[in-house]
Amino acid sequence: MLKNKLSYMNLLDSDGQVSMLYGVRSTPMKMLIGKDGNLVAAALGYRDWKQDEFIQLIDTLVNE
């Protein structure tokens, strides 16, 4: 993500609206939301986002 100079947002869903919209079932939950607002990928619990599969997914999304 550093090579593309991307940043990401951490959100606190204090009223539960986003959880209901995207179907969050537990925390922590990480989601990748596409430019169109649709859910692209989700992961329950801890994930090491430096793994090749996640880096490739993010690179693919950035280059769309």
N, C-alpha and C. Protein backbone atom coordinates (compact mmCIF):
# COMPACT_ATOMS: atom_id res chain seq x y z
N MET A 1 0.82 -1.19 0.00
CA MET A 1 0.00 0.00 0.00
C MET A 1 0.86 1.26 0.00
N LEU A 2 2.06 1.14 0.53
CA LEU A 2 2.92 2.31 0.56
C LEU A 2 3.35 2.74 -0.83
N LYS A 3 3.59 1.77 -1.71
CA LYS A 3 4.05 2.12 -3.05
C LYS A 3 2.98 2.89 -3.83
N ASN A 4 1.70 2.68 -3.50
CA ASN A 4 0.61 3.39 -4.15
C ASN A 4 0.16 4.62 -3.38
N LYS A 5 0.81 4.88 -2.26
CA LYS A 5 0.49 6.03 -1.41
C LYS A 5 -0.99 6.05 -1.03
N LEU A 6 -1.49 4.87 -0.63
CA LEU A 6 -2.89 4.75 -0.22
C LEU A 6 -3.02 4.91 1.27
N SER A 7 -4.18 5.30 1.67
CA SER A 7 -4.50 5.33 3.09
C SER A 7 -5.79 4.55 3.27
N TYR A 8 -6.13 4.25 4.48
CA TYR A 8 -7.39 3.57 4.73
C TYR A 8 -8.05 4.17 5.95
N MET A 9 -9.34 3.97 6.03
CA MET A 9 -10.12 4.57 7.07
C MET A 9 -10.51 3.51 8.10
N ASN A 10 -10.41 3.83 9.38
CA ASN A 10 -10.95 3.01 10.44
C ASN A 10 -12.22 3.67 10.90
N LEU A 11 -13.29 2.90 10.95
CA LEU A 11 -14.58 3.48 11.31
C LEU A 11 -15.11 2.89 12.60
N LEU A 12 -15.78 3.69 13.38
CA LEU A 12 -16.50 3.24 14.55
C LEU A 12 -17.97 3.38 14.24
N ASP A 13 -18.66 2.28 14.21
CA ASP A 13 -20.07 2.25 13.85
C ASP A 13 -20.91 2.30 15.13
N SER A 14 -20.95 3.46 15.76
CA SER A 14 -21.57 3.58 17.08
C SER A 14 -23.08 3.33 17.08
N ASP A 15 -23.75 3.55 15.96
CA ASP A 15 -25.20 3.34 15.94
C ASP A 15 -25.61 2.07 15.19
N GLY A 16 -24.65 1.30 14.67
CA GLY A 16 -24.93 0.01 14.05
C GLY A 16 -25.44 0.07 12.61
N GLN A 17 -25.51 1.25 12.01
CA GLN A 17 -26.04 1.35 10.65
C GLN A 17 -25.16 0.66 9.62
N VAL A 18 -23.86 0.85 9.72
CA VAL A 18 -22.94 0.24 8.76
C VAL A 18 -22.91 -1.28 8.95
N SER A 19 -22.95 -1.72 10.20
CA SER A 19 -22.98 -3.16 10.49
C SER A 19 -24.18 -3.82 9.82
N MET A 20 -25.32 -3.19 9.91
CA MET A 20 -26.52 -3.75 9.28
C MET A 20 -26.42 -3.71 7.76
N LEU A 21 -25.88 -2.62 7.21
CA LEU A 21 -25.76 -2.47 5.76
C LEU A 21 -24.87 -3.56 5.15
N TYR A 22 -23.73 -3.85 5.80
CA TYR A 22 -22.77 -4.80 5.24
C TYR A 22 -22.80 -6.17 5.91
N GLY A 23 -23.72 -6.41 6.83
CA GLY A 23 -23.88 -7.73 7.43
C GLY A 23 -22.77 -8.14 8.39
N VAL A 24 -22.27 -7.20 9.18
CA VAL A 24 -21.22 -7.52 10.15
C VAL A 24 -21.80 -8.43 11.22
N ARG A 25 -21.11 -9.55 11.47
CA ARG A 25 -21.60 -10.53 12.43
C ARG A 25 -20.77 -10.60 13.70
N SER A 26 -19.55 -10.13 13.65
CA SER A 26 -18.70 -10.15 14.84
C SER A 26 -17.59 -9.11 14.66
N THR A 27 -16.86 -8.87 15.73
CA THR A 27 -15.74 -7.94 15.66
C THR A 27 -14.51 -8.64 16.20
N PRO A 28 -13.32 -8.32 15.76
CA PRO A 28 -13.08 -7.35 14.69
C PRO A 28 -13.43 -7.95 13.34
N MET A 29 -13.83 -7.10 12.45
CA MET A 29 -14.12 -7.50 11.08
C MET A 29 -13.53 -6.45 10.16
N LYS A 30 -12.79 -6.91 9.18
CA LYS A 30 -12.20 -6.00 8.19
C LYS A 30 -12.94 -6.19 6.89
N MET A 31 -13.18 -5.07 6.20
CA MET A 31 -13.87 -5.13 4.92
C MET A 31 -13.16 -4.24 3.91
N LEU A 32 -13.14 -4.71 2.69
CA LEU A 32 -12.68 -3.88 1.58
C LEU A 32 -13.93 -3.48 0.80
N ILE A 33 -14.15 -2.19 0.71
CA ILE A 33 -15.30 -1.64 0.01
C ILE A 33 -14.80 -1.02 -1.29
N GLY A 34 -15.39 -1.41 -2.40
CA GLY A 34 -14.99 -0.90 -3.70
C GLY A 34 -15.41 0.55 -3.90
N LYS A 35 -14.90 1.15 -4.96
CA LYS A 35 -15.22 2.54 -5.29
C LYS A 35 -16.72 2.75 -5.45
N ASP A 36 -17.43 1.69 -5.85
CA ASP A 36 -18.87 1.80 -6.05
C ASP A 36 -19.67 1.59 -4.77
N GLY A 37 -18.97 1.35 -3.65
CA GLY A 37 -19.64 1.16 -2.36
C GLY A 37 -20.02 -0.27 -2.06
N ASN A 38 -19.73 -1.19 -2.97
CA ASN A 38 -20.05 -2.59 -2.76
C ASN A 38 -18.93 -3.31 -2.02
N LEU A 39 -19.30 -4.28 -1.22
CA LEU A 39 -18.35 -5.09 -0.47
C LEU A 39 -17.57 -5.97 -1.43
N VAL A 40 -16.23 -5.90 -1.36
CA VAL A 40 -15.36 -6.69 -2.24
C VAL A 40 -14.84 -7.91 -1.50
N ALA A 41 -14.44 -7.74 -0.24
CA ALA A 41 -13.90 -8.83 0.55
C ALA A 41 -14.11 -8.51 2.02
N ALA A 42 -14.18 -9.57 2.83
CA ALA A 42 -14.35 -9.38 4.27
C ALA A 42 -13.59 -10.47 5.00
N ALA A 43 -13.13 -10.16 6.19
CA ALA A 43 -12.41 -11.12 7.01
C ALA A 43 -12.81 -10.94 8.47
N LEU A 44 -13.23 -12.03 9.10
CA LEU A 44 -13.55 -12.01 10.53
C LEU A 44 -12.28 -12.23 11.33
N GLY A 45 -12.14 -11.53 12.43
CA GLY A 45 -10.99 -11.72 13.30
C GLY A 45 -9.72 -11.10 12.73
N TYR A 46 -8.61 -11.43 13.38
CA TYR A 46 -7.32 -10.87 12.99
C TYR A 46 -6.87 -11.43 11.64
N ARG A 47 -6.31 -10.57 10.84
CA ARG A 47 -5.69 -10.98 9.58
C ARG A 47 -4.39 -10.20 9.41
N ASP A 48 -3.39 -10.87 8.87
CA ASP A 48 -2.13 -10.21 8.53
C ASP A 48 -2.27 -9.71 7.10
N TRP A 49 -2.54 -8.43 6.94
CA TRP A 49 -2.80 -7.86 5.61
C TRP A 49 -1.54 -7.76 4.76
N LYS A 50 -0.40 -8.20 5.30
CA LYS A 50 0.84 -8.20 4.51
C LYS A 50 1.04 -9.52 3.78
N GLN A 51 0.09 -10.45 3.89
CA GLN A 51 0.18 -11.71 3.16
C GLN A 51 -0.04 -11.45 1.68
N ASP A 52 0.62 -12.28 0.86
CA ASP A 52 0.57 -12.10 -0.60
C ASP A 52 -0.86 -12.04 -1.14
N GLU A 53 -1.75 -12.89 -0.65
CA GLU A 53 -3.12 -12.92 -1.20
C GLU A 53 -3.84 -11.59 -0.99
N PHE A 54 -3.64 -10.95 0.15
CA PHE A 54 -4.28 -9.67 0.40
C PHE A 54 -3.63 -8.55 -0.41
N ILE A 55 -2.33 -8.58 -0.51
CA ILE A 55 -1.62 -7.57 -1.29
C ILE A 55 -2.04 -7.64 -2.75
N GLN A 56 -2.17 -8.85 -3.30
CA GLN A 56 -2.60 -9.02 -4.69
C GLN A 56 -4.02 -8.52 -4.89
N LEU A 57 -4.91 -8.81 -3.94
CA LEU A 57 -6.29 -8.35 -4.04
C LEU A 57 -6.35 -6.82 -4.03
N ILE A 58 -5.63 -6.21 -3.12
CA ILE A 58 -5.63 -4.75 -3.02
C ILE A 58 -5.03 -4.13 -4.27
N ASP A 59 -3.93 -4.69 -4.76
CA ASP A 59 -3.31 -4.19 -6.01
C ASP A 59 -4.28 -4.28 -7.18
N THR A 60 -5.01 -5.39 -7.26
CA THR A 60 -5.99 -5.56 -8.33
C THR A 60 -7.07 -4.49 -8.25
N LEU A 61 -7.57 -4.25 -7.05
CA LEU A 61 -8.62 -3.25 -6.87
C LEU A 61 -8.14 -1.85 -7.20
N VAL A 62 -6.92 -1.53 -6.81
CA VAL A 62 -6.37 -0.20 -7.05
C VAL A 62 -6.21 0.04 -8.54
N ASN A 63 -5.84 -1.00 -9.27
CA ASN A 63 -5.56 -0.85 -10.69
C ASN A 63 -6.79 -0.97 -11.60
N GLU A 64 -7.96 -1.15 -11.01
CA GLU A 64 -9.19 -1.23 -11.83
C GLU A 64 -9.57 0.10 -12.40
